[in-house]
Amino acid sequence: MPIEKSPEPFSGADTDLPSDLVFEANEKNLIWRGCLDLLRQAGLRPTHQRLLLGSLLFSRGGRHVTAGMLHDEVTAAGIHLSLATVYNTLNQFTGAGLLRQIGIDGSKSYFDTNPTGHHHFFVDHEDRLLDVPEPGVLIDMLPEPLPGYEIAGVDVVVHLRRKQG
């Protein structure tokens, strides 16, 4: 699905927000306003669904979520969005550079609110993804890329499990 780009990312006409949400100065509306600005700067039209999901994702600092986890949060908040809408929005945010998608064992994708290059720990049997603290992972040698290709990045996921006994 192509990312829906706003022709004029900073025009006020592209928002579906009621004006009272934009101009009231309480915490929730400041979060919505920050999300509104973030979406516009990324070139995404700030639809109601994108604002709802963006406010959940970006108002709590660095997060690693699956589509299912975010859908559960939305449902718990009494908001009715389909799981497909959550997936589509996460993919749109990723395509716009707001999120980074991390695949775990080819079976599960996490979305990281920190889109910069960094590595992760995955805690097996707990389904938790955590950032590797700095200095991170040091890699001495990388293979030469195939002819006509260049290395675009290296993602390391270190699997952890609790020690037995």
C-alpha atoms as a PDB file:
ATOM      1  CA  MET A   1       0.000   0.000   0.000  1.00  0.00           C
ATOM      2  CA  PRO A   2       1.561   3.336  -0.976  1.00  0.00           C
ATOM      3  CA  ILE A   3       2.168   5.900   1.718  1.00  0.00           C
ATOM      4  CA  GLU A   4      -0.366   8.677   1.554  1.00  0.00           C
ATOM      5  CA  LYS A   5       1.581  11.891   1.228  1.00  0.00           C
ATOM      6  CA  SER A   6       0.128  15.272   1.903  1.00  0.00           C
ATOM      7  CA  PRO A   7       0.628  17.675  -1.009  1.00  0.00           C
ATOM      8  CA  GLU A   8       1.254  20.480   1.479  1.00  0.00           C
ATOM      9  CA  PRO A   9       2.487  18.853   4.683  1.00  0.00           C
ATOM     10  CA  PHE A  10       2.193  22.006   6.756  1.00  0.00           C
ATOM     11  CA  SER A  11      -1.222  23.240   5.653  1.00  0.00           C
ATOM     12  CA  GLY A  12      -3.891  23.194   8.334  1.00  0.00           C
ATOM     13  CA  ALA A  13      -6.549  21.994   5.886  1.00  0.00           C
ATOM     14  CA  ASP A  14      -5.168  18.424   5.926  1.00  0.00           C
ATOM     15  CA  THR A  15      -6.186  17.646   9.499  1.00  0.00           C
ATOM     16  CA  ASP A  16      -9.345  15.881  10.572  1.00  0.00           C
ATOM     17  CA  LEU A  17      -8.960  17.126  14.140  1.00  0.00           C
ATOM     18  CA  PRO A  18     -11.686  19.179  15.767  1.00  0.00           C
ATOM     19  CA  SER A  19     -10.345  22.661  16.461  1.00  0.00           C
ATOM     20  CA  ASP A  20     -10.762  22.265  20.234  1.00  0.00           C
ATOM     21  CA  LEU A  21      -8.229  19.403  20.192  1.00  0.00           C
ATOM     22  CA  VAL A  22      -5.644  21.598  18.532  1.00  0.00           C
ATOM     23  CA  PHE A  23      -6.017  24.699  20.664  1.00  0.00           C
ATOM     24  CA  GLU A  24      -6.683  23.425  24.200  1.00  0.00           C
ATOM     25  CA  ALA A  25      -3.533  23.408  26.297  1.00  0.00           C
ATOM     26  CA  ASN A  26      -3.983  20.239  28.341  1.00  0.00           C
ATOM     27  CA  GLU A  27      -1.553  17.295  28.278  1.00  0.00           C
ATOM     28  CA  LYS A  28      -3.570  15.048  25.963  1.00  0.00           C
ATOM     29  CA  ASN A  29      -3.991  17.759  23.387  1.00  0.00           C
ATOM     30  CA  LEU A  30      -0.332  18.734  23.574  1.00  0.00           C
ATOM     31  CA  ILE A  31       0.483  15.100  22.756  1.00  0.00           C
ATOM     32  CA  TRP A  32      -1.977  15.217  19.833  1.00  0.00           C
ATOM     33  CA  ARG A  33      -0.441  18.491  18.638  1.00  0.00           C
ATOM     34  CA  GLY A  34       3.054  17.017  18.819  1.00  0.00           C
ATOM     35  CA  CYS A  35       1.870  13.978  16.896  1.00  0.00           C
ATOM     36  CA  LEU A  36       0.146  16.212  14.358  1.00  0.00           C
ATOM     37  CA  ASP A  37       3.428  18.069  13.759  1.00  0.00           C
ATOM     38  CA  LEU A  38       5.397  14.804  13.586  1.00  0.00           C
ATOM     39  CA  LEU A  39       3.069  13.355  10.949  1.00  0.00           C
ATOM     40  CA  ARG A  40       3.122  16.525   8.881  1.00  0.00           C
ATOM     41  CA  GLN A  41       6.921  16.723   8.999  1.00  0.00           C
ATOM     42  CA  ALA A  42       7.067  13.098   7.794  1.00  0.00           C
ATOM     43  CA  GLY A  43       4.763  13.986   4.897  1.00  0.00           C
ATOM     44  CA  LEU A  44       1.828  11.935   6.191  1.00  0.00           C
ATOM     45  CA  ARG A  45      -1.699  13.319   6.269  1.00  0.00           C
ATOM     46  CA  PRO A  46      -2.730  13.443   9.948  1.00  0.00           C
ATOM     47  CA  THR A  47      -5.885  11.341   9.828  1.00  0.00           C
ATOM     48  CA  HIS A  48      -7.786  10.553  12.995  1.00  0.00           C
ATOM     49  CA  GLN A  49      -6.472   6.944  13.035  1.00  0.00           C
ATOM     50  CA  ARG A  50      -2.868   8.032  12.522  1.00  0.00           C
ATOM     51  CA  LEU A  51      -3.180  10.589  15.312  1.00  0.00           C
ATOM     52  CA  LEU A  52      -4.687   8.042  17.700  1.00  0.00           C
ATOM     53  CA  LEU A  53      -2.024   5.434  17.010  1.00  0.00           C
ATOM     54  CA  GLY A  54       0.778   7.988  16.857  1.00  0.00           C
ATOM     55  CA  SER A  55      -0.166   9.445  20.224  1.00  0.00           C
ATOM     56  CA  LEU A  56      -0.077   5.962  21.776  1.00  0.00           C
ATOM     57  CA  LEU A  57       3.249   5.140  20.143  1.00  0.00           C
ATOM     58  CA  PHE A  58       5.212   8.354  20.566  1.00  0.00           C
ATOM     59  CA  SER A  59       3.965   9.785  23.876  1.00  0.00           C
ATOM     60  CA  ARG A  60       5.709   7.197  26.063  1.00  0.00           C
ATOM     61  CA  GLY A  61       9.330   7.450  24.966  1.00  0.00           C
ATOM     62  CA  GLY A  62      11.207   4.605  23.304  1.00  0.00           C
ATOM     63  CA  ARG A  63       8.998   1.584  22.665  1.00  0.00           C
ATOM     64  CA  HIS A  64       9.067  -1.764  20.900  1.00  0.00           C
ATOM     65  CA  VAL A  65       5.576  -2.957  19.975  1.00  0.00           C
ATOM     66  CA  THR A  66       3.950  -5.507  17.716  1.00  0.00           C
ATOM     67  CA  ALA A  67       0.775  -4.709  15.822  1.00  0.00           C
ATOM     68  CA  GLY A  68      -1.082  -7.008  18.213  1.00  0.00           C
ATOM     69  CA  MET A  69       0.275  -5.219  21.276  1.00  0.00           C
ATOM     70  CA  LEU A  70      -0.742  -1.821  19.896  1.00  0.00           C
ATOM     71  CA  HIS A  71      -4.173  -3.139  18.896  1.00  0.00           C
ATOM     72  CA  ASP A  72      -4.660  -4.405  22.475  1.00  0.00           C
ATOM     73  CA  GLU A  73      -3.778  -0.929  23.812  1.00  0.00           C
ATOM     74  CA  VAL A  74      -6.253   0.696  21.431  1.00  0.00           C
ATOM     75  CA  THR A  75      -8.992  -1.746  22.431  1.00  0.00           C
ATOM     76  CA  ALA A  76      -8.262  -1.242  26.153  1.00  0.00           C
ATOM     77  CA  ALA A  77      -8.645   2.515  25.608  1.00  0.00           C
ATOM     78  CA  GLY A  78     -12.140   1.914  24.207  1.00  0.00           C
ATOM     79  CA  ILE A  79     -11.154   2.801  20.655  1.00  0.00           C
ATOM     80  CA  HIS A  80     -12.471   0.654  17.827  1.00  0.00           C
ATOM     81  CA  LEU A  81      -9.854   0.146  15.096  1.00  0.00           C
ATOM     82  CA  SER A  82      -9.321  -3.027  13.133  1.00  0.00           C
ATOM     83  CA  LEU A  83      -6.059  -4.933  13.422  1.00  0.00           C
ATOM     84  CA  ALA A  84      -5.605  -4.339   9.663  1.00  0.00           C
ATOM     85  CA  THR A  85      -5.756  -0.564  10.240  1.00  0.00           C
ATOM     86  CA  VAL A  86      -3.111  -0.888  12.961  1.00  0.00           C
ATOM     87  CA  TYR A  87      -0.840  -2.935  10.634  1.00  0.00           C
ATOM     88  CA  ASN A  88      -1.334  -0.509   7.748  1.00  0.00           C
ATOM     89  CA  THR A  89      -0.603   2.509   9.921  1.00  0.00           C
ATOM     90  CA  LEU A  90       2.538   0.925  11.402  1.00  0.00           C
ATOM     91  CA  ASN A  91       3.770   0.151   7.898  1.00  0.00           C
ATOM     92  CA  GLN A  92       3.008   3.720   6.764  1.00  0.00           C
ATOM     93  CA  PHE A  93       4.897   5.133   9.770  1.00  0.00           C
ATOM     94  CA  THR A  94       7.825   2.815   8.963  1.00  0.00           C
ATOM     95  CA  GLY A  95       7.827   3.860   5.312  1.00  0.00           C
ATOM     96  CA  ALA A  96       7.891   7.521   6.374  1.00  0.00           C
ATOM     97  CA  GLY A  97      10.900   6.906   8.649  1.00  0.00           C
ATOM     98  CA  LEU A  98       9.047   7.344  11.961  1.00  0.00           C
ATOM     99  CA  LEU A  99       9.445   3.715  13.005  1.00  0.00           C
ATOM    100  CA  ARG A 100      11.905   0.930  12.395  1.00  0.00           C
ATOM    101  CA  GLN A 101      10.675  -2.617  11.814  1.00  0.00           C
ATOM    102  CA  ILE A 102      12.650  -5.444  13.426  1.00  0.00           C
ATOM    103  CA  GLY A 103      11.887  -9.003  12.380  1.00  0.00           C
ATOM    104  CA  ILE A 104      12.384 -11.764  14.920  1.00  0.00           C
ATOM    105  CA  ASP A 105      12.923 -15.277  13.540  1.00  0.00           C
ATOM    106  CA  GLY A 106      10.806 -14.501  10.495  1.00  0.00           C
ATOM    107  CA  SER A 107       7.652 -14.961  12.547  1.00  0.00           C
ATOM    108  CA  LYS A 108       7.122 -11.705  14.435  1.00  0.00           C
ATOM    109  CA  SER A 109       7.748  -8.046  13.671  1.00  0.00           C
ATOM    110  CA  TYR A 110       8.351  -5.393  16.263  1.00  0.00           C
ATOM    111  CA  PHE A 111       8.144  -1.688  15.530  1.00  0.00           C
ATOM    112  CA  ASP A 112      10.698   0.521  17.274  1.00  0.00           C
ATOM    113  CA  THR A 113       9.929   4.193  17.929  1.00  0.00           C
ATOM    114  CA  ASN A 114      13.673   4.863  17.655  1.00  0.00           C
ATOM    115  CA  PRO A 115      14.325   4.565  13.905  1.00  0.00           C
ATOM    116  CA  THR A 116      18.085   5.141  14.181  1.00  0.00           C
ATOM    117  CA  GLY A 117      20.477   2.243  13.637  1.00  0.00           C
ATOM    118  CA  HIS A 118      21.004   0.282  16.837  1.00  0.00           C
ATOM    119  CA  HIS A 119      20.966  -3.334  17.990  1.00  0.00           C
ATOM    120  CA  HIS A 120      18.587  -5.336  20.171  1.00  0.00           C
ATOM    121  CA  PHE A 121      18.238  -8.071  22.748  1.00  0.00           C
ATOM    122  CA  PHE A 122      15.244 -10.374  22.341  1.00  0.00           C
ATOM    123  CA  VAL A 123      14.186 -12.226  25.480  1.00  0.00           C
ATOM    124  CA  ASP A 124      12.974 -15.640  24.337  1.00  0.00           C
ATOM    125  CA  HIS A 125       9.798 -16.988  25.971  1.00  0.00           C
ATOM    126  CA  GLU A 126       8.982 -13.479  27.211  1.00  0.00           C
ATOM    127  CA  ASP A 127       8.593 -11.839  23.787  1.00  0.00           C
ATOM    128  CA  ARG A 128      10.422  -8.695  24.870  1.00  0.00           C
ATOM    129  CA  LEU A 129      12.655  -6.619  22.622  1.00  0.00           C
ATOM    130  CA  LEU A 130      15.166  -4.317  24.324  1.00  0.00           C
ATOM    131  CA  ASP A 131      17.807  -1.917  23.038  1.00  0.00           C
ATOM    132  CA  VAL A 132      21.428  -3.017  23.458  1.00  0.00           C
ATOM    133  CA  PRO A 133      23.066  -0.293  25.574  1.00  0.00           C
ATOM    134  CA  GLU A 134      25.950   1.747  24.190  1.00  0.00           C
ATOM    135  CA  PRO A 135      28.622   1.086  23.041  1.00  0.00           C
ATOM    136  CA  GLY A 136      26.423  -1.530  21.414  1.00  0.00           C
ATOM    137  CA  VAL A 137      27.799  -4.312  19.265  1.00  0.00           C
ATOM    138  CA  LEU A 138      31.289  -4.024  17.827  1.00  0.00           C
ATOM    139  CA  ILE A 139      31.794  -5.824  14.531  1.00  0.00           C
ATOM    140  CA  ASP A 140      35.393  -6.158  13.348  1.00  0.00           C
ATOM    141  CA  MET A 141      34.768  -7.458   9.857  1.00  0.00           C
ATOM    142  CA  LEU A 142      31.885  -7.544   7.437  1.00  0.00           C
ATOM    143  CA  PRO A 143      31.865  -9.612   4.276  1.00  0.00           C
ATOM    144  CA  GLU A 144      32.455  -7.869   0.961  1.00  0.00           C
ATOM    145  CA  PRO A 145      29.093  -7.112  -0.650  1.00  0.00           C
ATOM    146  CA  LEU A 146      28.193  -8.868  -3.855  1.00  0.00           C
ATOM    147  CA  PRO A 147      29.172  -7.052  -7.071  1.00  0.00           C
ATOM    148  CA  GLY A 148      26.799  -4.176  -7.745  1.00  0.00           C
ATOM    149  CA  TYR A 149      25.640  -3.984  -4.117  1.00  0.00           C
ATOM    150  CA  GLU A 150      26.585  -2.014  -1.040  1.00  0.00           C
ATOM    151  CA  ILE A 151      25.948  -2.723   2.623  1.00  0.00           C
ATOM    152  CA  ALA A 152      22.979  -0.623   3.728  1.00  0.00           C
ATOM    153  CA  GLY A 153      23.092  -1.589   7.400  1.00  0.00           C
ATOM    154  CA  VAL A 154      23.660  -4.343   9.897  1.00  0.00           C
ATOM    155  CA  ASP A 155      20.967  -5.392  12.362  1.00  0.00           C
ATOM    156  CA  VAL A 156      21.994  -7.589  15.260  1.00  0.00           C
ATOM    157  CA  VAL A 157      19.404  -9.272  17.476  1.00  0.00           C
ATOM    158  CA  VAL A 158      20.945 -11.091  20.427  1.00  0.00           C
ATOM    159  CA  HIS A 159      18.613 -13.745  21.834  1.00  0.00           C
ATOM    160  CA  LEU A 160      18.538 -14.101  25.614  1.00  0.00           C
ATOM    161  CA  ARG A 161      16.912 -16.636  27.909  1.00  0.00           C
ATOM    162  CA  ARG A 162      16.765 -16.860  31.674  1.00  0.00           C
ATOM    163  CA  LYS A 163      19.456 -19.001  33.270  1.00  0.00           C
ATOM    164  CA  GLN A 164      18.244 -22.299  34.678  1.00  0.00           C
ATOM    165  CA  GLY A 165      19.163 -22.883  38.326  1.00  0.00           C
END
